[in-house]
Amino acid sequence: MLCGRWRSRRRRAPPLPAQSSASVGSAPPAAPQDGGARRPGLRALKKMGLTEDEDVRAMLRGSRLCKIRSRTWQKERLYRLQEDGLTVWFQRRFPHAPSQHIFFVQHIEAVREGHQSEGLRRFGGAFAPARCLTIAFKGRRKNLDLAAPTAEEAQRWVRGLAKLRARLEAMSQRERLDQYPARGWGGGGGGRWPCPSGVHSLNLNP
């Protein structure tokens, strides 16, 4: 699906997988808009003081963002923050089977607005800079160039990721281990981490 046609066919966009019984794979359910702080999975966000943050709540509901690799490779995918506040889930199709993947907030080096990356300067001309963002990762992992349906939605992700990164960086080593006992806290953007239930593989090129 080419996102370059987004402007003329947004009204025909398919429903979010979490809301459709015909969706591919088993998408993690979106966090509820009300009372979410009572769910056990949201304890981490509660400790961060972000359960009522509007940007983070929008990320928990998920967004259809267009990943841009070239002038012809521009595909829409659902991205959703998970309740641990540490991982972002996304789904994509392979020819014969669904694939579910995640990336980790602490592996992000920077989030840049607009056409600041080389990829978006070269291939993002069809999208207004206000709708674009680049997630740059630590280590050798490639940048993730994205375009949101609206400038407001792009800002939600820019601000939300900044808040999550700031909270994680402010944690002590003991707080990190207490809050995420099953996660490793080594540096870099490579390697494999334990995956949440239902996620079978971790692909480092979302």
N, C-alpha and C. Protein backbone atom coordinates (compact mmCIF):
# COMPACT_ATOMS: atom_id res chain seq x y z
N MET A 1 0.84 -1.17 0.00
CA MET A 1 0.00 0.00 0.00
C MET A 1 0.88 1.23 0.00
N LEU A 2 0.71 2.08 -0.99
CA LEU A 2 1.55 3.24 -1.10
C LEU A 2 0.91 4.40 -0.36
N CYS A 3 1.70 5.02 0.54
CA CYS A 3 1.16 6.12 1.32
C CYS A 3 1.07 7.39 0.52
N GLY A 4 1.69 7.44 -0.64
CA GLY A 4 1.60 8.63 -1.46
C GLY A 4 0.18 8.92 -1.88
N ARG A 5 -0.72 7.91 -1.83
CA ARG A 5 -2.12 8.10 -2.18
C ARG A 5 -2.98 8.41 -0.96
N TRP A 6 -2.35 8.60 0.17
CA TRP A 6 -3.04 8.77 1.44
C TRP A 6 -4.05 9.91 1.38
N ARG A 7 -3.62 11.03 0.77
CA ARG A 7 -4.43 12.23 0.82
C ARG A 7 -5.79 12.02 0.17
N SER A 8 -5.85 11.22 -0.91
CA SER A 8 -7.08 11.06 -1.65
C SER A 8 -7.93 9.89 -1.19
N ARG A 9 -7.38 8.99 -0.36
CA ARG A 9 -8.15 7.81 -0.01
C ARG A 9 -8.18 7.53 1.50
N ARG A 10 -7.90 8.55 2.31
CA ARG A 10 -7.92 8.31 3.76
C ARG A 10 -9.29 7.85 4.25
N ARG A 11 -10.36 8.31 3.53
CA ARG A 11 -11.69 7.89 3.96
C ARG A 11 -11.91 6.40 3.78
N ARG A 12 -11.09 5.73 2.94
CA ARG A 12 -11.24 4.31 2.73
C ARG A 12 -10.23 3.49 3.52
N ALA A 13 -9.52 4.14 4.45
CA ALA A 13 -8.49 3.43 5.22
C ALA A 13 -9.13 2.30 6.01
N PRO A 14 -8.48 1.13 6.09
CA PRO A 14 -9.04 0.00 6.83
C PRO A 14 -9.07 0.28 8.31
N PRO A 15 -9.97 -0.34 9.06
CA PRO A 15 -10.03 -0.13 10.51
C PRO A 15 -8.80 -0.67 11.19
N LEU A 16 -8.52 -0.13 12.41
CA LEU A 16 -7.38 -0.62 13.17
C LEU A 16 -7.55 -2.10 13.45
N PRO A 17 -6.45 -2.87 13.39
CA PRO A 17 -6.54 -4.31 13.67
C PRO A 17 -7.17 -4.62 15.01
N ALA A 18 -6.92 -3.79 16.03
CA ALA A 18 -7.47 -4.07 17.35
C ALA A 18 -8.98 -3.97 17.37
N GLN A 19 -9.57 -3.31 16.33
CA GLN A 19 -11.00 -3.11 16.32
C GLN A 19 -11.67 -3.94 15.26
N SER A 20 -10.93 -4.79 14.57
CA SER A 20 -11.49 -5.55 13.47
C SER A 20 -11.26 -7.03 13.67
N SER A 21 -12.31 -7.81 13.54
CA SER A 21 -12.16 -9.25 13.70
C SER A 21 -11.47 -9.88 12.52
N ALA A 22 -11.35 -9.14 11.39
CA ALA A 22 -10.71 -9.69 10.20
C ALA A 22 -9.27 -9.28 10.08
N SER A 23 -8.70 -8.69 11.12
CA SER A 23 -7.33 -8.21 11.03
C SER A 23 -6.36 -9.38 10.99
N VAL A 24 -5.17 -9.12 10.45
CA VAL A 24 -4.16 -10.16 10.35
C VAL A 24 -3.44 -10.29 11.67
N GLY A 25 -3.22 -11.52 12.14
CA GLY A 25 -2.49 -11.75 13.38
C GLY A 25 -3.36 -11.39 14.58
N SER A 26 -2.76 -11.33 15.73
CA SER A 26 -3.48 -11.01 16.96
C SER A 26 -2.85 -9.78 17.56
N ALA A 27 -3.36 -8.61 17.17
CA ALA A 27 -2.82 -7.36 17.67
C ALA A 27 -3.10 -7.22 19.14
N PRO A 28 -2.13 -6.75 19.93
CA PRO A 28 -2.39 -6.50 21.34
C PRO A 28 -3.53 -5.51 21.49
N PRO A 29 -4.43 -5.68 22.43
CA PRO A 29 -5.57 -4.78 22.56
C PRO A 29 -5.11 -3.39 22.95
N ALA A 30 -5.81 -2.39 22.40
CA ALA A 30 -5.50 -1.01 22.75
C ALA A 30 -5.90 -0.75 24.19
N ALA A 31 -5.12 0.13 24.86
CA ALA A 31 -5.46 0.47 26.24
C ALA A 31 -6.75 1.25 26.27
N PRO A 32 -7.59 1.05 27.28
CA PRO A 32 -8.85 1.77 27.37
C PRO A 32 -8.61 3.24 27.61
N GLN A 33 -9.53 4.08 27.14
CA GLN A 33 -9.37 5.52 27.32
C GLN A 33 -9.72 5.94 28.74
N ASP A 34 -10.52 5.16 29.43
CA ASP A 34 -10.93 5.50 30.79
C ASP A 34 -10.57 4.36 31.73
N GLY A 35 -10.05 4.72 32.89
CA GLY A 35 -9.75 3.71 33.90
C GLY A 35 -8.53 2.88 33.59
N GLY A 36 -7.70 3.32 32.64
CA GLY A 36 -6.56 2.51 32.24
C GLY A 36 -5.54 2.34 33.35
N ALA A 37 -5.48 3.30 34.28
CA ALA A 37 -4.47 3.23 35.34
C ALA A 37 -4.71 2.05 36.26
N ARG A 38 -5.95 1.46 36.24
CA ARG A 38 -6.24 0.34 37.12
C ARG A 38 -5.72 -0.97 36.55
N ARG A 39 -5.37 -1.00 35.29
CA ARG A 39 -4.90 -2.25 34.68
C ARG A 39 -3.49 -2.56 35.16
N PRO A 40 -3.21 -3.83 35.52
CA PRO A 40 -1.88 -4.18 36.03
C PRO A 40 -0.77 -3.82 35.07
N GLY A 41 -1.02 -3.95 33.76
CA GLY A 41 0.03 -3.67 32.79
C GLY A 41 0.45 -2.23 32.73
N LEU A 42 -0.38 -1.34 33.30
CA LEU A 42 -0.08 0.09 33.25
C LEU A 42 0.63 0.58 34.51
N ARG A 43 1.05 -0.33 35.38
CA ARG A 43 1.73 0.11 36.61
C ARG A 43 3.00 0.87 36.31
N ALA A 44 3.72 0.43 35.26
CA ALA A 44 4.97 1.12 34.92
C ALA A 44 4.70 2.56 34.54
N LEU A 45 3.68 2.78 33.71
CA LEU A 45 3.35 4.15 33.31
C LEU A 45 2.85 4.96 34.50
N LYS A 46 2.15 4.29 35.41
CA LYS A 46 1.68 4.99 36.60
C LYS A 46 2.85 5.47 37.44
N LYS A 47 3.86 4.61 37.59
CA LYS A 47 5.05 5.02 38.35
C LYS A 47 5.77 6.18 37.67
N MET A 48 5.69 6.22 36.33
CA MET A 48 6.30 7.34 35.60
C MET A 48 5.46 8.61 35.66
N GLY A 49 4.22 8.48 36.15
CA GLY A 49 3.34 9.63 36.19
C GLY A 49 2.79 10.02 34.83
N LEU A 50 2.61 9.02 33.93
CA LEU A 50 2.20 9.32 32.57
C LEU A 50 0.87 8.68 32.17
N THR A 51 0.15 8.09 33.12
CA THR A 51 -1.09 7.41 32.73
C THR A 51 -2.16 8.39 32.25
N GLU A 52 -2.09 9.64 32.68
CA GLU A 52 -3.09 10.63 32.26
C GLU A 52 -2.55 11.56 31.19
N ASP A 53 -1.34 11.33 30.74
CA ASP A 53 -0.76 12.19 29.71
C ASP A 53 -1.45 11.94 28.36
N GLU A 54 -1.95 12.99 27.72
CA GLU A 54 -2.72 12.82 26.49
C GLU A 54 -1.87 12.26 25.35
N ASP A 55 -0.62 12.66 25.27
CA ASP A 55 0.24 12.14 24.20
C ASP A 55 0.48 10.65 24.37
N VAL A 56 0.78 10.23 25.59
CA VAL A 56 1.03 8.82 25.86
C VAL A 56 -0.25 8.00 25.66
N ARG A 57 -1.39 8.54 26.06
CA ARG A 57 -2.65 7.82 25.86
C ARG A 57 -2.96 7.64 24.38
N ALA A 58 -2.62 8.64 23.57
CA ALA A 58 -2.82 8.50 22.12
C ALA A 58 -1.91 7.42 21.56
N MET A 59 -0.68 7.33 22.06
CA MET A 59 0.25 6.29 21.60
C MET A 59 -0.23 4.91 22.02
N LEU A 60 -0.85 4.80 23.20
CA LEU A 60 -1.40 3.52 23.64
C LEU A 60 -2.55 3.06 22.74
N ARG A 61 -3.31 4.01 22.23
CA ARG A 61 -4.40 3.65 21.31
C ARG A 61 -3.85 3.24 19.95
N GLY A 62 -2.70 3.79 19.56
CA GLY A 62 -2.08 3.42 18.31
C GLY A 62 -2.34 4.39 17.19
N SER A 63 -1.44 4.41 16.21
CA SER A 63 -1.55 5.29 15.05
C SER A 63 -1.12 4.53 13.80
N ARG A 64 -1.77 4.85 12.68
CA ARG A 64 -1.31 4.33 11.40
C ARG A 64 -0.32 5.33 10.81
N LEU A 65 0.94 4.94 10.80
CA LEU A 65 2.02 5.79 10.32
C LEU A 65 2.60 5.19 9.05
N CYS A 66 3.04 6.03 8.15
CA CYS A 66 3.61 5.57 6.89
C CYS A 66 5.12 5.52 7.01
N LYS A 67 5.68 4.35 6.82
CA LYS A 67 7.13 4.20 6.81
C LYS A 67 7.65 4.49 5.41
N ILE A 68 8.70 5.32 5.33
CA ILE A 68 9.22 5.78 4.04
C ILE A 68 10.65 5.28 3.88
N ARG A 69 10.87 4.46 2.86
CA ARG A 69 12.21 3.97 2.56
C ARG A 69 12.75 4.53 1.25
N SER A 70 11.87 4.78 0.29
CA SER A 70 12.28 5.30 -1.01
C SER A 70 11.07 5.99 -1.64
N ARG A 71 11.22 6.44 -2.87
CA ARG A 71 10.10 7.10 -3.54
C ARG A 71 8.95 6.12 -3.80
N THR A 72 9.27 4.86 -3.96
CA THR A 72 8.25 3.86 -4.28
C THR A 72 7.90 2.97 -3.10
N TRP A 73 8.79 2.85 -2.10
CA TRP A 73 8.52 2.00 -0.92
C TRP A 73 8.06 2.90 0.22
N GLN A 74 6.75 3.06 0.33
CA GLN A 74 6.13 3.88 1.36
C GLN A 74 4.87 3.15 1.82
N LYS A 75 4.94 2.54 3.02
CA LYS A 75 3.86 1.65 3.45
C LYS A 75 3.32 2.04 4.82
N GLU A 76 2.03 1.93 4.93
CA GLU A 76 1.32 2.26 6.16
C GLU A 76 1.31 1.06 7.11
N ARG A 77 1.58 1.34 8.39
CA ARG A 77 1.58 0.31 9.42
C ARG A 77 0.98 0.87 10.70
N LEU A 78 0.45 -0.03 11.50
CA LEU A 78 -0.04 0.36 12.81
C LEU A 78 1.09 0.30 13.82
N TYR A 79 1.32 1.41 14.51
CA TYR A 79 2.31 1.48 15.59
C TYR A 79 1.54 1.77 16.88
N ARG A 80 1.94 1.05 17.95
CA ARG A 80 1.23 1.23 19.22
C ARG A 80 2.18 1.05 20.39
N LEU A 81 2.17 2.00 21.30
CA LEU A 81 2.93 1.86 22.54
C LEU A 81 2.29 0.78 23.40
N GLN A 82 3.13 -0.08 24.00
CA GLN A 82 2.64 -1.12 24.88
C GLN A 82 2.53 -0.59 26.32
N GLU A 83 1.77 -1.32 27.14
CA GLU A 83 1.46 -0.83 28.47
C GLU A 83 2.66 -0.75 29.40
N ASP A 84 3.76 -1.42 29.03
CA ASP A 84 4.95 -1.32 29.89
C ASP A 84 5.65 0.02 29.72
N GLY A 85 5.26 0.83 28.73
CA GLY A 85 5.89 2.12 28.50
C GLY A 85 7.29 2.02 27.94
N LEU A 86 7.71 0.80 27.61
CA LEU A 86 9.08 0.55 27.18
C LEU A 86 9.17 0.12 25.72
N THR A 87 8.10 -0.48 25.21
CA THR A 87 8.15 -1.05 23.86
C THR A 87 7.07 -0.45 22.97
N VAL A 88 7.40 -0.36 21.69
CA VAL A 88 6.43 0.05 20.67
C VAL A 88 6.21 -1.14 19.75
N TRP A 89 4.97 -1.55 19.61
CA TRP A 89 4.59 -2.70 18.78
C TRP A 89 4.16 -2.23 17.40
N PHE A 90 4.49 -2.99 16.39
CA PHE A 90 3.95 -2.71 15.06
C PHE A 90 3.72 -4.02 14.33
N GLN A 91 2.86 -3.98 13.35
CA GLN A 91 2.51 -5.18 12.61
C GLN A 91 2.71 -4.94 11.12
N ARG A 92 3.12 -5.98 10.42
CA ARG A 92 3.26 -5.90 8.98
C ARG A 92 2.96 -7.26 8.38
N ARG A 93 2.81 -7.31 7.07
CA ARG A 93 2.48 -8.54 6.37
C ARG A 93 3.71 -9.11 5.68
N PHE A 94 3.85 -10.43 5.76
CA PHE A 94 4.72 -11.18 4.88
C PHE A 94 3.81 -11.91 3.88
N PRO A 95 4.35 -12.44 2.77
CA PRO A 95 3.48 -13.10 1.80
C PRO A 95 2.63 -14.23 2.38
N HIS A 96 3.17 -14.98 3.37
CA HIS A 96 2.45 -16.16 3.82
C HIS A 96 2.05 -16.14 5.29
N ALA A 97 2.52 -15.18 6.04
CA ALA A 97 2.20 -15.19 7.46
C ALA A 97 2.32 -13.79 8.04
N PRO A 98 1.52 -13.47 9.06
CA PRO A 98 1.66 -12.17 9.71
C PRO A 98 2.93 -12.10 10.53
N SER A 99 3.46 -10.90 10.69
CA SER A 99 4.67 -10.72 11.49
C SER A 99 4.41 -9.62 12.50
N GLN A 100 4.72 -9.89 13.76
CA GLN A 100 4.55 -8.90 14.81
C GLN A 100 5.92 -8.58 15.40
N HIS A 101 6.20 -7.29 15.57
CA HIS A 101 7.52 -6.87 15.98
C HIS A 101 7.42 -5.73 16.99
N ILE A 102 8.51 -5.48 17.67
CA ILE A 102 8.59 -4.39 18.62
C ILE A 102 9.96 -3.71 18.52
N PHE A 103 10.01 -2.46 18.97
CA PHE A 103 11.30 -1.84 19.24
C PHE A 103 11.21 -1.16 20.60
N PHE A 104 12.37 -0.85 21.19
CA PHE A 104 12.44 -0.41 22.57
C PHE A 104 12.76 1.08 22.67
N VAL A 105 12.04 1.74 23.57
CA VAL A 105 12.19 3.18 23.74
C VAL A 105 13.62 3.53 24.14
N GLN A 106 14.24 2.71 24.99
CA GLN A 106 15.59 3.05 25.46
C GLN A 106 16.66 2.87 24.38
N HIS A 107 16.31 2.26 23.25
CA HIS A 107 17.25 2.15 22.13
C HIS A 107 17.21 3.36 21.21
N ILE A 108 16.31 4.31 21.51
CA ILE A 108 16.19 5.51 20.68
C ILE A 108 17.25 6.52 21.09
N GLU A 109 17.96 7.03 20.10
CA GLU A 109 18.95 8.06 20.36
C GLU A 109 18.36 9.46 20.24
N ALA A 110 17.46 9.67 19.28
CA ALA A 110 16.85 10.98 19.07
C ALA A 110 15.57 10.83 18.25
N VAL A 111 14.65 11.77 18.44
CA VAL A 111 13.45 11.86 17.61
C VAL A 111 13.47 13.25 16.98
N ARG A 112 13.49 13.28 15.65
CA ARG A 112 13.63 14.55 14.92
C ARG A 112 12.36 14.85 14.15
N GLU A 113 11.94 16.10 14.21
CA GLU A 113 10.73 16.53 13.51
C GLU A 113 11.06 16.96 12.08
N GLY A 114 10.07 16.84 11.20
CA GLY A 114 10.21 17.36 9.85
C GLY A 114 11.13 16.53 8.97
N HIS A 115 11.64 17.18 7.92
CA HIS A 115 12.51 16.51 6.95
C HIS A 115 13.98 16.69 7.32
N GLN A 116 14.36 16.24 8.50
CA GLN A 116 15.75 16.42 8.94
C GLN A 116 16.65 15.27 8.52
N SER A 117 16.09 14.10 8.29
CA SER A 117 16.93 12.96 7.90
C SER A 117 17.19 13.00 6.39
N GLU A 118 18.24 12.32 5.98
CA GLU A 118 18.54 12.23 4.55
C GLU A 118 17.41 11.55 3.79
N GLY A 119 16.85 10.49 4.41
CA GLY A 119 15.78 9.76 3.75
C GLY A 119 14.56 10.62 3.49
N LEU A 120 14.14 11.43 4.47
CA LEU A 120 12.97 12.27 4.28
C LEU A 120 13.26 13.44 3.35
N ARG A 121 14.47 13.95 3.37
CA ARG A 121 14.81 15.03 2.42
C ARG A 121 14.74 14.52 0.99
N ARG A 122 15.13 13.26 0.78
CA ARG A 122 15.14 12.70 -0.57
C ARG A 122 13.79 12.16 -1.01
N PHE A 123 13.08 11.52 -0.06
CA PHE A 123 11.90 10.76 -0.47
C PHE A 123 10.59 11.23 0.18
N GLY A 124 10.66 12.22 1.06
CA GLY A 124 9.46 12.63 1.79
C GLY A 124 8.76 13.84 1.23
N GLY A 125 9.06 14.21 0.01
CA GLY A 125 8.48 15.42 -0.56
C GLY A 125 6.97 15.40 -0.68
N ALA A 126 6.36 14.23 -0.74
CA ALA A 126 4.90 14.14 -0.87
C ALA A 126 4.19 14.43 0.44
N PHE A 127 4.96 14.54 1.54
CA PHE A 127 4.36 14.75 2.86
C PHE A 127 4.84 16.07 3.44
N ALA A 128 3.94 16.83 4.01
CA ALA A 128 4.30 18.09 4.65
C ALA A 128 5.28 17.82 5.79
N PRO A 129 6.31 18.66 5.95
CA PRO A 129 7.27 18.43 7.04
C PRO A 129 6.62 18.31 8.41
N ALA A 130 5.52 19.03 8.63
CA ALA A 130 4.86 18.99 9.94
C ALA A 130 4.29 17.61 10.25
N ARG A 131 4.09 16.78 9.23
CA ARG A 131 3.54 15.44 9.44
C ARG A 131 4.62 14.37 9.58
N CYS A 132 5.88 14.76 9.45
CA CYS A 132 6.98 13.78 9.40
C CYS A 132 7.81 13.78 10.67
N LEU A 133 8.39 12.63 10.97
CA LEU A 133 9.35 12.50 12.07
C LEU A 133 10.30 11.37 11.76
N THR A 134 11.48 11.46 12.36
CA THR A 134 12.49 10.41 12.22
C THR A 134 12.88 9.92 13.60
N ILE A 135 12.84 8.60 13.78
CA ILE A 135 13.33 7.97 15.01
C ILE A 135 14.73 7.43 14.71
N ALA A 136 15.73 8.02 15.34
CA ALA A 136 17.12 7.57 15.17
C ALA A 136 17.49 6.67 16.34
N PHE A 137 18.06 5.51 16.02
CA PHE A 137 18.40 4.52 17.04
C PHE A 137 19.89 4.54 17.36
N LYS A 138 20.22 4.04 18.52
CA LYS A 138 21.61 3.88 18.91
C LYS A 138 22.23 2.73 18.11
N GLY A 139 23.53 2.76 17.98
CA GLY A 139 24.21 1.69 17.28
C GLY A 139 24.06 1.81 15.77
N ARG A 140 24.05 0.65 15.09
CA ARG A 140 24.06 0.64 13.63
C ARG A 140 22.67 0.48 13.01
N ARG A 141 21.67 0.47 13.83
CA ARG A 141 20.32 0.29 13.30
C ARG A 141 19.91 1.50 12.47
N LYS A 142 19.20 1.24 11.38
CA LYS A 142 18.78 2.31 10.47
C LYS A 142 17.72 3.19 11.10
N ASN A 143 17.70 4.46 10.65
CA ASN A 143 16.66 5.39 11.08
C ASN A 143 15.29 4.89 10.64
N LEU A 144 14.27 5.30 11.36
CA LEU A 144 12.90 5.00 11.01
C LEU A 144 12.23 6.30 10.60
N ASP A 145 11.99 6.48 9.31
CA ASP A 145 11.36 7.69 8.77
C ASP A 145 9.87 7.45 8.64
N LEU A 146 9.07 8.31 9.26
CA LEU A 146 7.63 8.11 9.33
C LEU A 146 6.87 9.38 8.95
N ALA A 147 5.67 9.19 8.41
CA ALA A 147 4.74 10.28 8.15
C ALA A 147 3.41 9.94 8.80
N ALA A 148 2.86 10.87 9.56
CA ALA A 148 1.58 10.67 10.22
C ALA A 148 0.45 11.24 9.35
N PRO A 149 -0.79 10.81 9.59
CA PRO A 149 -1.91 11.35 8.82
C PRO A 149 -2.09 12.85 9.01
N THR A 150 -1.75 13.36 10.21
CA THR A 150 -1.89 14.78 10.50
C THR A 150 -0.67 15.28 11.26
N ALA A 151 -0.48 16.60 11.25
CA ALA A 151 0.62 17.19 12.01
C ALA A 151 0.42 16.99 13.51
N GLU A 152 -0.82 17.05 13.96
CA GLU A 152 -1.10 16.85 15.39
C GLU A 152 -0.71 15.45 15.84
N GLU A 153 -1.00 14.45 15.01
CA GLU A 153 -0.65 13.07 15.39
C GLU A 153 0.87 12.89 15.40
N ALA A 154 1.56 13.51 14.47
CA ALA A 154 3.02 13.44 14.48
C ALA A 154 3.58 14.04 15.76
N GLN A 155 3.01 15.18 16.18
CA GLN A 155 3.48 15.82 17.41
C GLN A 155 3.20 14.97 18.63
N ARG A 156 2.09 14.24 18.61
CA ARG A 156 1.81 13.33 19.72
C ARG A 156 2.95 12.35 19.93
N TRP A 157 3.44 11.77 18.84
CA TRP A 157 4.53 10.79 18.93
C TRP A 157 5.85 11.46 19.29
N VAL A 158 6.11 12.62 18.75
CA VAL A 158 7.36 13.33 19.09
C VAL A 158 7.39 13.65 20.58
N ARG A 159 6.32 14.24 21.07
CA ARG A 159 6.28 14.62 22.49
C ARG A 159 6.21 13.39 23.39
N GLY A 160 5.39 12.40 23.01
CA GLY A 160 5.24 11.22 23.85
C GLY A 160 6.54 10.45 24.00
N LEU A 161 7.25 10.24 22.90
CA LEU A 161 8.53 9.53 22.98
C LEU A 161 9.54 10.31 23.81
N ALA A 162 9.51 11.64 23.70
CA ALA A 162 10.44 12.46 24.48
C ALA A 162 10.16 12.30 25.98
N LYS A 163 8.90 12.27 26.37
CA LYS A 163 8.55 12.10 27.78
C LYS A 163 8.96 10.73 28.30
N LEU A 164 8.70 9.69 27.51
CA LEU A 164 9.08 8.34 27.93
C LEU A 164 10.58 8.21 28.08
N ARG A 165 11.32 8.74 27.11
CA ARG A 165 12.78 8.66 27.18
C ARG A 165 13.32 9.41 28.39
N ALA A 166 12.74 10.57 28.67
CA ALA A 166 13.19 11.35 29.82
C ALA A 166 12.94 10.61 31.13
N ARG A 167 11.77 9.95 31.26
CA ARG A 167 11.47 9.19 32.48
C ARG A 167 12.41 8.00 32.63
N LEU A 168 12.66 7.28 31.52
CA LEU A 168 13.55 6.12 31.60
C LEU A 168 14.98 6.54 31.95
N GLU A 169 15.44 7.63 31.37
CA GLU A 169 16.81 8.08 31.65
C GLU A 169 16.96 8.58 33.08
N ALA A 170 15.86 9.04 33.68
CA ALA A 170 15.91 9.54 35.06
C ALA A 170 15.89 8.42 36.09
N MET A 171 15.56 7.20 35.66
CA MET A 171 15.51 6.07 36.60
C MET A 171 16.91 5.64 37.01
N SER A 172 17.02 5.24 38.25
CA SER A 172 18.26 4.61 38.70
C SER A 172 18.30 3.18 38.20
N GLN A 173 19.49 2.57 38.27
CA GLN A 173 19.62 1.17 37.84
C GLN A 173 18.70 0.26 38.65
N ARG A 174 18.59 0.52 39.95
CA ARG A 174 17.72 -0.31 40.79
C ARG A 174 16.26 -0.15 40.39
N GLU A 175 15.84 1.09 40.11
CA GLU A 175 14.45 1.32 39.69
C GLU A 175 14.15 0.61 38.38
N ARG A 176 15.10 0.62 37.47
CA ARG A 176 14.89 -0.07 36.20
C ARG A 176 14.73 -1.57 36.40
N LEU A 177 15.59 -2.14 37.22
CA LEU A 177 15.52 -3.59 37.45
C LEU A 177 14.27 -3.98 38.21
N ASP A 178 13.83 -3.11 39.15
CA ASP A 178 12.61 -3.41 39.90
C ASP A 178 11.38 -3.32 39.00
N GLN A 179 11.38 -2.34 38.11
CA GLN A 179 10.21 -2.11 37.27
C GLN A 179 10.14 -3.06 36.08
N TYR A 180 11.33 -3.42 35.55
CA TYR A 180 11.39 -4.31 34.39
C TYR A 180 12.35 -5.46 34.68
N PRO A 181 12.00 -6.36 35.59
CA PRO A 181 12.94 -7.41 36.01
C PRO A 181 13.35 -8.36 34.90
N ALA A 182 12.51 -8.52 33.86
CA ALA A 182 12.83 -9.48 32.80
C ALA A 182 13.62 -8.86 31.67
N ARG A 183 13.90 -7.56 31.73
CA ARG A 183 14.57 -6.88 30.64
C ARG A 183 16.05 -6.69 30.96
N GLY A 184 16.87 -6.76 29.94
CA GLY A 184 18.27 -6.41 30.11
C GLY A 184 18.44 -4.92 29.90
N TRP A 185 19.44 -4.34 30.48
CA TRP A 185 19.65 -2.90 30.33
C TRP A 185 21.02 -2.60 29.73
N GLY A 186 21.52 -3.50 28.88
CA GLY A 186 22.76 -3.22 28.18
C GLY A 186 22.55 -2.14 27.14
N GLY A 187 23.59 -1.50 26.72
CA GLY A 187 23.48 -0.42 25.74
C GLY A 187 23.30 -0.95 24.35
N GLY A 188 23.29 -0.03 23.40
CA GLY A 188 23.23 -0.40 21.99
C GLY A 188 21.84 -0.70 21.53
N GLY A 189 21.69 -0.78 20.20
CA GLY A 189 20.39 -1.03 19.62
C GLY A 189 20.28 -2.41 19.04
N GLY A 190 21.27 -3.26 19.24
CA GLY A 190 21.22 -4.58 18.62
C GLY A 190 20.85 -5.65 19.62
N GLY A 191 20.91 -6.88 19.16
CA GLY A 191 20.65 -8.00 20.03
C GLY A 191 19.17 -8.30 20.17
N ARG A 192 18.86 -9.36 20.90
CA ARG A 192 17.47 -9.76 21.10
C ARG A 192 17.10 -9.60 22.57
N TRP A 193 15.88 -9.18 22.77
CA TRP A 193 15.34 -9.01 24.10
C TRP A 193 14.19 -9.98 24.30
N PRO A 194 13.83 -10.28 25.56
CA PRO A 194 12.62 -11.08 25.78
C PRO A 194 11.42 -10.37 25.18
N CYS A 195 10.55 -11.10 24.47
CA CYS A 195 9.41 -10.51 23.79
C CYS A 195 8.14 -10.73 24.60
N PRO A 196 7.21 -9.76 24.56
CA PRO A 196 5.94 -9.94 25.25
C PRO A 196 5.18 -11.13 24.70
N SER A 197 4.21 -11.60 25.47
CA SER A 197 3.40 -12.74 25.04
C SER A 197 2.75 -12.45 23.70
N GLY A 198 2.83 -13.39 22.79
CA GLY A 198 2.21 -13.26 21.48
C GLY A 198 3.12 -12.67 20.42
N VAL A 199 4.28 -12.17 20.83
CA VAL A 199 5.21 -11.62 19.86
C VAL A 199 6.31 -12.63 19.63
N HIS A 200 6.42 -13.14 18.42
CA HIS A 200 7.26 -14.30 18.16
C HIS A 200 8.67 -13.93 17.72
N SER A 201 8.87 -12.73 17.22
CA SER A 201 10.21 -12.38 16.76
C SER A 201 10.42 -10.89 16.93
N LEU A 202 11.68 -10.54 17.08
CA LEU A 202 12.05 -9.13 17.20
C LEU A 202 12.91 -8.79 16.00
N ASN A 203 12.36 -7.99 15.10
CA ASN A 203 13.06 -7.58 13.89
C ASN A 203 13.59 -6.18 14.11
N LEU A 204 14.87 -5.98 13.87
CA LEU A 204 15.49 -4.70 14.15
C LEU A 204 15.37 -3.71 12.99
N ASN A 205 14.56 -4.01 11.99
CA ASN A 205 14.30 -3.09 10.90
C ASN A 205 12.80 -2.93 10.70
N PRO A 206 12.11 -2.16 11.59
CA PRO A 206 10.66 -2.03 11.49
C PRO A 206 10.27 -1.33 10.21
